[in-house]
């Protein structure tokens, strides 16, 4: 899942193998940042 519901429930040892919807990534440099807007 790409949601953050495990973390919101209190899980800390989580691997998001398909990524995270509330993050954005730059295709040029690979930088990943938190992102909640469009």
ModelCIF file with pLDDT and N, C-alpha, C, O atoms, coordinates in Angstrom:
data_MODEL
#
_entry.id   MODEL 
#
_entity.id                         1 
_entity.type                       polymer 
_entity.pdbx_number_of_molecules   1 
#
_entity_poly.entity_id                      1 
_entity_poly.type                           'polypeptide(L)' 
_entity_poly.nstd_linkage                   no 
_entity_poly.nstd_monomer                   no 
_entity_poly.pdbx_seq_one_letter_code       
;(UNK)(UNK)(UNK)(UNK)(UNK)(UNK)(UNK)(UNK)(UNK)(UNK)(UNK)(UNK)(UNK)(UNK)(UNK)(UNK)
(UNK)(UNK)(UNK)(UNK)(UNK)(UNK)(UNK)(UNK)(UNK)(UNK)(UNK)(UNK)(UNK)(UNK)(UNK)(UNK)
(UNK)(UNK)(UNK)(UNK)(UNK)(UNK)
;
_entity_poly.pdbx_seq_one_letter_code_can   XXXXXXXXXXXXXXXXXXXXXXXXXXXXXXXXXXXXXX 
_entity_poly.pdbx_strand_id                 A 
#
loop_
_entity_poly_seq.entity_id 
_entity_poly_seq.num 
_entity_poly_seq.mon_id 
_entity_poly_seq.hetero 
1 1  UNK n 
1 2  UNK n 
1 3  UNK n 
1 4  UNK n 
1 5  UNK n 
1 6  UNK n 
1 7  UNK n 
1 8  UNK n 
1 9  UNK n 
1 10 UNK n 
1 11 UNK n 
1 12 UNK n 
1 13 UNK n 
1 14 UNK n 
1 15 UNK n 
1 16 UNK n 
1 17 UNK n 
1 18 UNK n 
1 19 UNK n 
1 20 UNK n 
1 21 UNK n 
1 22 UNK n 
1 23 UNK n 
1 24 UNK n 
1 25 UNK n 
1 26 UNK n 
1 27 UNK n 
1 28 UNK n 
1 29 UNK n 
1 30 UNK n 
1 31 UNK n 
1 32 UNK n 
1 33 UNK n 
1 34 UNK n 
1 35 UNK n 
1 36 UNK n 
1 37 UNK n 
1 38 UNK n 
#
_struct_asym.id          A 
_struct_asym.entity_id   1 
#
loop_
_ma_qa_metric.id 
_ma_qa_metric.mode 
_ma_qa_metric.name 
_ma_qa_metric.software_group_id 
_ma_qa_metric.type 
1 global pLDDT . pLDDT 
2 local  pLDDT . pLDDT 
#
_ma_qa_metric_global.metric_id      1 
_ma_qa_metric_global.metric_value   97.05 
_ma_qa_metric_global.model_id       1 
_ma_qa_metric_global.ordinal_id     1 
#
loop_
_ma_qa_metric_local.label_asym_id 
_ma_qa_metric_local.label_comp_id 
_ma_qa_metric_local.label_seq_id 
_ma_qa_metric_local.metric_id 
_ma_qa_metric_local.metric_value 
_ma_qa_metric_local.model_id 
_ma_qa_metric_local.ordinal_id 
A UNK 1  2 96.00 1 1  
A UNK 2  2 96.00 1 2  
A UNK 3  2 97.00 1 3  
A UNK 4  2 97.00 1 4  
A UNK 5  2 98.00 1 5  
A UNK 6  2 98.00 1 6  
A UNK 7  2 98.00 1 7  
A UNK 8  2 98.00 1 8  
A UNK 9  2 98.00 1 9  
A UNK 10 2 98.00 1 10 
A UNK 11 2 98.00 1 11 
A UNK 12 2 98.00 1 12 
A UNK 13 2 98.00 1 13 
A UNK 14 2 98.00 1 14 
A UNK 15 2 98.00 1 15 
A UNK 16 2 98.00 1 16 
A UNK 17 2 98.00 1 17 
A UNK 18 2 97.00 1 18 
A UNK 19 2 97.00 1 19 
A UNK 20 2 98.00 1 20 
A UNK 21 2 96.00 1 21 
A UNK 22 2 97.00 1 22 
A UNK 23 2 98.00 1 23 
A UNK 24 2 98.00 1 24 
A UNK 25 2 98.00 1 25 
A UNK 26 2 97.00 1 26 
A UNK 27 2 94.00 1 27 
A UNK 28 2 95.00 1 28 
A UNK 29 2 97.00 1 29 
A UNK 30 2 97.00 1 30 
A UNK 31 2 97.00 1 31 
A UNK 32 2 98.00 1 32 
A UNK 33 2 97.00 1 33 
A UNK 34 2 97.00 1 34 
A UNK 35 2 96.00 1 35 
A UNK 36 2 94.00 1 36 
A UNK 37 2 94.00 1 37 
A UNK 38 2 96.00 1 38 
#
loop_
_atom_site.group_PDB 
_atom_site.id 
_atom_site.type_symbol 
_atom_site.label_atom_id 
_atom_site.label_alt_id 
_atom_site.label_comp_id 
_atom_site.label_asym_id 
_atom_site.label_entity_id 
_atom_site.label_seq_id 
_atom_site.pdbx_PDB_ins_code 
_atom_site.Cartn_x 
_atom_site.Cartn_y 
_atom_site.Cartn_z 
_atom_site.occupancy 
_atom_site.B_iso_or_equiv 
_atom_site.pdbx_formal_charge 
_atom_site.auth_seq_id 
_atom_site.auth_comp_id 
_atom_site.auth_asym_id 
_atom_site.auth_atom_id 
_atom_site.pdbx_PDB_model_num 
ATOM 1   N N  . UNK A 1 1  ? 0.823  -1.202 0.000   1.00 96.00 ? 1  UNK A N  1 
ATOM 2   C CA . UNK A 1 1  ? 0.000  0.000  0.000   1.00 96.00 ? 1  UNK A CA 1 
ATOM 3   C C  . UNK A 1 1  ? 0.860  1.256  0.000   1.00 96.00 ? 1  UNK A C  1 
ATOM 4   O O  . UNK A 1 1  ? 1.934  1.290  0.599   1.00 96.00 ? 1  UNK A O  1 
ATOM 5   N N  . UNK A 1 2  ? 0.373  2.281  -0.677  1.00 96.00 ? 2  UNK A N  1 
ATOM 6   C CA . UNK A 1 2  ? 1.099  3.551  -0.716  1.00 96.00 ? 2  UNK A CA 1 
ATOM 7   C C  . UNK A 1 2  ? 0.510  4.566  0.254   1.00 96.00 ? 2  UNK A C  1 
ATOM 8   O O  . UNK A 1 2  ? 0.921  5.726  0.269   1.00 96.00 ? 2  UNK A O  1 
ATOM 9   N N  . UNK A 1 3  ? -0.454 4.131  1.066   1.00 97.00 ? 3  UNK A N  1 
ATOM 10  C CA . UNK A 1 3  ? -0.996 5.013  2.104   1.00 97.00 ? 3  UNK A CA 1 
ATOM 11  C C  . UNK A 1 3  ? -0.098 4.979  3.339   1.00 97.00 ? 3  UNK A C  1 
ATOM 12  O O  . UNK A 1 3  ? 0.855  4.203  3.406   1.00 97.00 ? 3  UNK A O  1 
ATOM 13  N N  . UNK A 1 4  ? -0.416 5.831  4.312   1.00 97.00 ? 4  UNK A N  1 
ATOM 14  C CA . UNK A 1 4  ? 0.383  5.925  5.539   1.00 97.00 ? 4  UNK A CA 1 
ATOM 15  C C  . UNK A 1 4  ? -0.373 5.427  6.762   1.00 97.00 ? 4  UNK A C  1 
ATOM 16  O O  . UNK A 1 4  ? -0.065 5.827  7.885   1.00 97.00 ? 4  UNK A O  1 
ATOM 17  N N  . UNK A 1 5  ? -1.359 4.561  6.559   1.00 98.00 ? 5  UNK A N  1 
ATOM 18  C CA . UNK A 1 5  ? -2.224 4.158  7.664   1.00 98.00 ? 5  UNK A CA 1 
ATOM 19  C C  . UNK A 1 5  ? -1.501 3.281  8.684   1.00 98.00 ? 5  UNK A C  1 
ATOM 20  O O  . UNK A 1 5  ? -1.830 3.335  9.870   1.00 98.00 ? 5  UNK A O  1 
ATOM 21  N N  . UNK A 1 6  ? -0.537 2.483  8.262   1.00 98.00 ? 6  UNK A N  1 
ATOM 22  C CA . UNK A 1 6  ? 0.233  1.708  9.247   1.00 98.00 ? 6  UNK A CA 1 
ATOM 23  C C  . UNK A 1 6  ? 0.977  2.646  10.198  1.00 98.00 ? 6  UNK A C  1 
ATOM 24  O O  . UNK A 1 6  ? 0.966  2.455  11.414  1.00 98.00 ? 6  UNK A O  1 
ATOM 25  N N  . UNK A 1 7  ? 1.616  3.653  9.628   1.00 98.00 ? 7  UNK A N  1 
ATOM 26  C CA . UNK A 1 7  ? 2.352  4.599  10.471  1.00 98.00 ? 7  UNK A CA 1 
ATOM 27  C C  . UNK A 1 7  ? 1.420  5.393  11.371  1.00 98.00 ? 7  UNK A C  1 
ATOM 28  O O  . UNK A 1 7  ? 1.738  5.636  12.535  1.00 98.00 ? 7  UNK A O  1 
ATOM 29  N N  . UNK A 1 8  ? 0.292  5.791  10.850  1.00 98.00 ? 8  UNK A N  1 
ATOM 30  C CA . UNK A 1 8  ? -0.665 6.542  11.670  1.00 98.00 ? 8  UNK A CA 1 
ATOM 31  C C  . UNK A 1 8  ? -1.185 5.703  12.833  1.00 98.00 ? 8  UNK A C  1 
ATOM 32  O O  . UNK A 1 8  ? -1.516 6.238  13.891  1.00 98.00 ? 8  UNK A O  1 
ATOM 33  N N  . UNK A 1 9  ? -1.254 4.391  12.634  1.00 98.00 ? 9  UNK A N  1 
ATOM 34  C CA . UNK A 1 9  ? -1.722 3.499  13.701  1.00 98.00 ? 9  UNK A CA 1 
ATOM 35  C C  . UNK A 1 9  ? -0.651 3.221  14.741  1.00 98.00 ? 9  UNK A C  1 
ATOM 36  O O  . UNK A 1 9  ? -0.951 2.728  15.828  1.00 98.00 ? 9  UNK A O  1 
ATOM 37  N N  . UNK A 1 10 ? 0.608  3.536  14.411  1.00 98.00 ? 10 UNK A N  1 
ATOM 38  C CA . UNK A 1 10 ? 1.679  3.348  15.381  1.00 98.00 ? 10 UNK A CA 1 
ATOM 39  C C  . UNK A 1 10 ? 2.774  2.386  14.971  1.00 98.00 ? 10 UNK A C  1 
ATOM 40  O O  . UNK A 1 10 ? 3.757  2.239  15.697  1.00 98.00 ? 10 UNK A O  1 
ATOM 41  N N  . UNK A 1 11 ? 2.638  1.720  13.818  1.00 98.00 ? 11 UNK A N  1 
ATOM 42  C CA . UNK A 1 11 ? 3.714  0.845  13.352  1.00 98.00 ? 11 UNK A CA 1 
ATOM 43  C C  . UNK A 1 11 ? 4.921  1.681  12.968  1.00 98.00 ? 11 UNK A C  1 
ATOM 44  O O  . UNK A 1 11 ? 4.788  2.746  12.364  1.00 98.00 ? 11 UNK A O  1 
ATOM 45  N N  . UNK A 1 12 ? 6.094  1.192  13.320  1.00 98.00 ? 12 UNK A N  1 
ATOM 46  C CA . UNK A 1 12 ? 7.337  1.911  13.029  1.00 98.00 ? 12 UNK A CA 1 
ATOM 47  C C  . UNK A 1 12 ? 8.248  1.138  12.075  1.00 98.00 ? 12 UNK A C  1 
ATOM 48  O O  . UNK A 1 12 ? 9.023  1.738  11.331  1.00 98.00 ? 12 UNK A O  1 
ATOM 49  N N  . UNK A 1 13 ? 8.155  -0.179 12.099  1.00 98.00 ? 13 UNK A N  1 
ATOM 50  C CA . UNK A 1 13 ? 9.028  -1.017 11.275  1.00 98.00 ? 13 UNK A CA 1 
ATOM 51  C C  . UNK A 1 13 ? 8.270  -1.411 10.006  1.00 98.00 ? 13 UNK A C  1 
ATOM 52  O O  . UNK A 1 13 ? 7.788  -2.536 9.871   1.00 98.00 ? 13 UNK A O  1 
ATOM 53  N N  . UNK A 1 14 ? 8.179  -0.454 9.082   1.00 98.00 ? 14 UNK A N  1 
ATOM 54  C CA . UNK A 1 14 ? 7.355  -0.618 7.882   1.00 98.00 ? 14 UNK A CA 1 
ATOM 55  C C  . UNK A 1 14 ? 8.200  -0.403 6.632   1.00 98.00 ? 14 UNK A C  1 
ATOM 56  O O  . UNK A 1 14 ? 8.961  0.561  6.546   1.00 98.00 ? 14 UNK A O  1 
ATOM 57  N N  . UNK A 1 15 ? 8.060  -1.306 5.665   1.00 98.00 ? 15 UNK A N  1 
ATOM 58  C CA . UNK A 1 15 ? 8.688  -1.153 4.356   1.00 98.00 ? 15 UNK A CA 1 
ATOM 59  C C  . UNK A 1 15 ? 7.586  -0.945 3.322   1.00 98.00 ? 15 UNK A C  1 
ATOM 60  O O  . UNK A 1 15 ? 6.705  -1.790 3.168   1.00 98.00 ? 15 UNK A O  1 
ATOM 61  N N  . UNK A 1 16 ? 7.640  0.178  2.616   1.00 98.00 ? 16 UNK A N  1 
ATOM 62  C CA . UNK A 1 16 ? 6.670  0.462  1.550   1.00 98.00 ? 16 UNK A CA 1 
ATOM 63  C C  . UNK A 1 16 ? 7.288  0.016  0.226   1.00 98.00 ? 16 UNK A C  1 
ATOM 64  O O  . UNK A 1 16 ? 7.958  0.797  -0.450  1.00 98.00 ? 16 UNK A O  1 
ATOM 65  N N  . UNK A 1 17 ? 7.060  -1.230 -0.131  1.00 98.00 ? 17 UNK A N  1 
ATOM 66  C CA . UNK A 1 17 ? 7.723  -1.761 -1.322  1.00 98.00 ? 17 UNK A CA 1 
ATOM 67  C C  . UNK A 1 17 ? 7.221  -1.118 -2.609  1.00 98.00 ? 17 UNK A C  1 
ATOM 68  O O  . UNK A 1 17 ? 7.922  -1.140 -3.621  1.00 98.00 ? 17 UNK A O  1 
ATOM 69  N N  . UNK A 1 18 ? 6.030  -0.553 -2.590  1.00 97.00 ? 18 UNK A N  1 
ATOM 70  C CA . UNK A 1 18 ? 5.484  0.126  -3.770  1.00 97.00 ? 18 UNK A CA 1 
ATOM 71  C C  . UNK A 1 18 ? 5.495  1.644  -3.639  1.00 97.00 ? 18 UNK A C  1 
ATOM 72  O O  . UNK A 1 18 ? 4.856  2.340  -4.427  1.00 97.00 ? 18 UNK A O  1 
ATOM 73  N N  . UNK A 1 19 ? 6.218  2.158  -2.649  1.00 97.00 ? 19 UNK A N  1 
ATOM 74  C CA . UNK A 1 19 ? 6.358  3.591  -2.502  1.00 97.00 ? 19 UNK A CA 1 
ATOM 75  C C  . UNK A 1 19 ? 5.331  4.205  -1.575  1.00 97.00 ? 19 UNK A C  1 
ATOM 76  O O  . UNK A 1 19 ? 4.578  3.503  -0.900  1.00 97.00 ? 19 UNK A O  1 
ATOM 77  N N  . UNK A 1 20 ? 5.313  5.537  -1.552  1.00 98.00 ? 20 UNK A N  1 
ATOM 78  C CA . UNK A 1 20 ? 4.450  6.279  -0.638  1.00 98.00 ? 20 UNK A CA 1 
ATOM 79  C C  . UNK A 1 20 ? 3.806  7.451  -1.363  1.00 98.00 ? 20 UNK A C  1 
ATOM 80  O O  . UNK A 1 20 ? 4.487  8.266  -1.986  1.00 98.00 ? 20 UNK A O  1 
ATOM 81  N N  . UNK A 1 21 ? 2.491  7.521  -1.272  1.00 96.00 ? 21 UNK A N  1 
ATOM 82  C CA . UNK A 1 21 ? 1.743  8.554  -1.963  1.00 96.00 ? 21 UNK A CA 1 
ATOM 83  C C  . UNK A 1 21 ? 2.034  9.946  -1.434  1.00 96.00 ? 21 UNK A C  1 
ATOM 84  O O  . UNK A 1 21 ? 1.951  10.923 -2.179  1.00 96.00 ? 21 UNK A O  1 
ATOM 85  N N  . UNK A 1 22 ? 2.375  10.051 -0.152  1.00 97.00 ? 22 UNK A N  1 
ATOM 86  C CA . UNK A 1 22 ? 2.620  11.352 0.462   1.00 97.00 ? 22 UNK A CA 1 
ATOM 87  C C  . UNK A 1 22 ? 4.086  11.778 0.361   1.00 97.00 ? 22 UNK A C  1 
ATOM 88  O O  . UNK A 1 22 ? 4.593  12.521 1.201   1.00 97.00 ? 22 UNK A O  1 
ATOM 89  N N  . UNK A 1 23 ? 4.752  11.288 -0.687  1.00 98.00 ? 23 UNK A N  1 
ATOM 90  C CA . UNK A 1 23 ? 6.102  11.724 -1.013  1.00 98.00 ? 23 UNK A CA 1 
ATOM 91  C C  . UNK A 1 23 ? 6.193  11.959 -2.521  1.00 98.00 ? 23 UNK A C  1 
ATOM 92  O O  . UNK A 1 23 ? 5.431  11.386 -3.299  1.00 98.00 ? 23 UNK A O  1 
ATOM 93  N N  . UNK A 1 24 ? 7.130  12.804 -2.912  1.00 98.00 ? 24 UNK A N  1 
ATOM 94  C CA . UNK A 1 24 ? 7.382  13.073 -4.333  1.00 98.00 ? 24 UNK A CA 1 
ATOM 95  C C  . UNK A 1 24 ? 8.853  12.816 -4.621  1.00 98.00 ? 24 UNK A C  1 
ATOM 96  O O  . UNK A 1 24 ? 9.706  12.948 -3.743  1.00 98.00 ? 24 UNK A O  1 
ATOM 97  N N  . UNK A 1 25 ? 9.134  12.448 -5.868  1.00 98.00 ? 25 UNK A N  1 
ATOM 98  C CA . UNK A 1 25 ? 10.512 12.145 -6.245  1.00 98.00 ? 25 UNK A CA 1 
ATOM 99  C C  . UNK A 1 25 ? 10.872 12.858 -7.541  1.00 98.00 ? 25 UNK A C  1 
ATOM 100 O O  . UNK A 1 25 ? 10.063 12.946 -8.465  1.00 98.00 ? 25 UNK A O  1 
ATOM 101 N N  . UNK A 1 26 ? 12.092 13.362 -7.591  1.00 97.00 ? 26 UNK A N  1 
ATOM 102 C CA . UNK A 1 26 ? 12.577 14.015 -8.805  1.00 97.00 ? 26 UNK A CA 1 
ATOM 103 C C  . UNK A 1 26 ? 13.168 12.971 -9.742  1.00 97.00 ? 26 UNK A C  1 
ATOM 104 O O  . UNK A 1 26 ? 14.051 12.207 -9.351  1.00 97.00 ? 26 UNK A O  1 
ATOM 105 N N  . UNK A 1 27 ? 12.683 12.938 -10.972 1.00 94.00 ? 27 UNK A N  1 
ATOM 106 C CA . UNK A 1 27 ? 13.209 11.987 -11.939 1.00 94.00 ? 27 UNK A CA 1 
ATOM 107 C C  . UNK A 1 27 ? 14.620 12.342 -12.394 1.00 94.00 ? 27 UNK A C  1 
ATOM 108 O O  . UNK A 1 27 ? 15.337 11.491 -12.921 1.00 94.00 ? 27 UNK A O  1 
ATOM 109 N N  . UNK A 1 28 ? 15.018 13.588 -12.192 1.00 95.00 ? 28 UNK A N  1 
ATOM 110 C CA . UNK A 1 28 ? 16.341 14.021 -12.631 1.00 95.00 ? 28 UNK A CA 1 
ATOM 111 C C  . UNK A 1 28 ? 17.431 13.626 -11.645 1.00 95.00 ? 28 UNK A C  1 
ATOM 112 O O  . UNK A 1 28 ? 18.438 13.034 -12.033 1.00 95.00 ? 28 UNK A O  1 
ATOM 113 N N  . UNK A 1 29 ? 17.233 13.954 -10.365 1.00 97.00 ? 29 UNK A N  1 
ATOM 114 C CA . UNK A 1 29 ? 18.295 13.701 -9.377  1.00 97.00 ? 29 UNK A CA 1 
ATOM 115 C C  . UNK A 1 29 ? 17.944 12.627 -8.358  1.00 97.00 ? 29 UNK A C  1 
ATOM 116 O O  . UNK A 1 29 ? 18.809 12.191 -7.599  1.00 97.00 ? 29 UNK A O  1 
ATOM 117 N N  . UNK A 1 30 ? 16.693 12.197 -8.330  1.00 97.00 ? 30 UNK A N  1 
ATOM 118 C CA . UNK A 1 30 ? 16.290 11.142 -7.403  1.00 97.00 ? 30 UNK A CA 1 
ATOM 119 C C  . UNK A 1 30 ? 15.938 11.609 -6.016  1.00 97.00 ? 30 UNK A C  1 
ATOM 120 O O  . UNK A 1 30 ? 15.651 10.776 -5.156  1.00 97.00 ? 30 UNK A O  1 
ATOM 121 N N  . UNK A 1 31 ? 15.945 12.912 -5.754  1.00 97.00 ? 31 UNK A N  1 
ATOM 122 C CA . UNK A 1 31 ? 15.627 13.422 -4.422  1.00 97.00 ? 31 UNK A CA 1 
ATOM 123 C C  . UNK A 1 31 ? 14.174 13.107 -4.065  1.00 97.00 ? 31 UNK A C  1 
ATOM 124 O O  . UNK A 1 31 ? 13.274 13.266 -4.890  1.00 97.00 ? 31 UNK A O  1 
ATOM 125 N N  . UNK A 1 32 ? 13.957 12.664 -2.839  1.00 98.00 ? 32 UNK A N  1 
ATOM 126 C CA . UNK A 1 32 ? 12.618 12.319 -2.349  1.00 98.00 ? 32 UNK A CA 1 
ATOM 127 C C  . UNK A 1 32 ? 12.247 13.261 -1.219  1.00 98.00 ? 32 UNK A C  1 
ATOM 128 O O  . UNK A 1 32 ? 13.029 13.461 -0.289  1.00 98.00 ? 32 UNK A O  1 
ATOM 129 N N  . UNK A 1 33 ? 11.051 13.843 -1.296  1.00 97.00 ? 33 UNK A N  1 
ATOM 130 C CA . UNK A 1 33 ? 10.602 14.799 -0.287  1.00 97.00 ? 33 UNK A CA 1 
ATOM 131 C C  . UNK A 1 33 ? 9.167  14.498 0.131   1.00 97.00 ? 33 UNK A C  1 
ATOM 132 O O  . UNK A 1 33 ? 8.392  13.984 -0.675  1.00 97.00 ? 33 UNK A O  1 
ATOM 133 N N  . UNK A 1 34 ? 8.793  14.808 1.382   1.00 97.00 ? 34 UNK A N  1 
ATOM 134 C CA . UNK A 1 34 ? 7.385  14.701 1.777   1.00 97.00 ? 34 UNK A CA 1 
ATOM 135 C C  . UNK A 1 34 ? 6.529  15.604 0.901   1.00 97.00 ? 34 UNK A C  1 
ATOM 136 O O  . UNK A 1 34 ? 6.952  16.698 0.528   1.00 97.00 ? 34 UNK A O  1 
ATOM 137 N N  . UNK A 1 35 ? 5.304  15.136 0.567   1.00 96.00 ? 35 UNK A N  1 
ATOM 138 C CA . UNK A 1 35 ? 4.462  15.936 -0.315  1.00 96.00 ? 35 UNK A CA 1 
ATOM 139 C C  . UNK A 1 35 ? 2.994  15.633 -0.057  1.00 96.00 ? 35 UNK A C  1 
ATOM 140 O O  . UNK A 1 35 ? 2.554  14.500 -0.245  1.00 96.00 ? 35 UNK A O  1 
ATOM 141 N N  . UNK A 1 36 ? 2.235  16.632 0.371   1.00 94.00 ? 36 UNK A N  1 
ATOM 142 C CA . UNK A 1 36 ? 0.823  16.447 0.666   1.00 94.00 ? 36 UNK A CA 1 
ATOM 143 C C  . UNK A 1 36 ? -0.076 17.230 -0.290  1.00 94.00 ? 36 UNK A C  1 
ATOM 144 O O  . UNK A 1 36 ? -1.293 17.050 -0.275  1.00 94.00 ? 36 UNK A O  1 
ATOM 145 N N  . UNK A 1 37 ? 0.504  18.093 -1.119  1.00 94.00 ? 37 UNK A N  1 
ATOM 146 C CA . UNK A 1 37 ? -0.277 18.910 -2.042  1.00 94.00 ? 37 UNK A CA 1 
ATOM 147 C C  . UNK A 1 37 ? -0.326 18.246 -3.420  1.00 94.00 ? 37 UNK A C  1 
ATOM 148 O O  . UNK A 1 37 ? 0.186  17.143 -3.613  1.00 94.00 ? 37 UNK A O  1 
ATOM 149 N N  . UNK A 1 38 ? -0.951 18.940 -4.366  1.00 96.00 ? 38 UNK A N  1 
ATOM 150 C CA . UNK A 1 38 ? -0.988 18.435 -5.733  1.00 96.00 ? 38 UNK A CA 1 
ATOM 151 C C  . UNK A 1 38 ? 0.399  18.516 -6.373  1.00 96.00 ? 38 UNK A C  1 
ATOM 152 O O  . UNK A 1 38 ? 0.569  18.134 -7.531  1.00 96.00 ? 38 UNK A O  1 
#
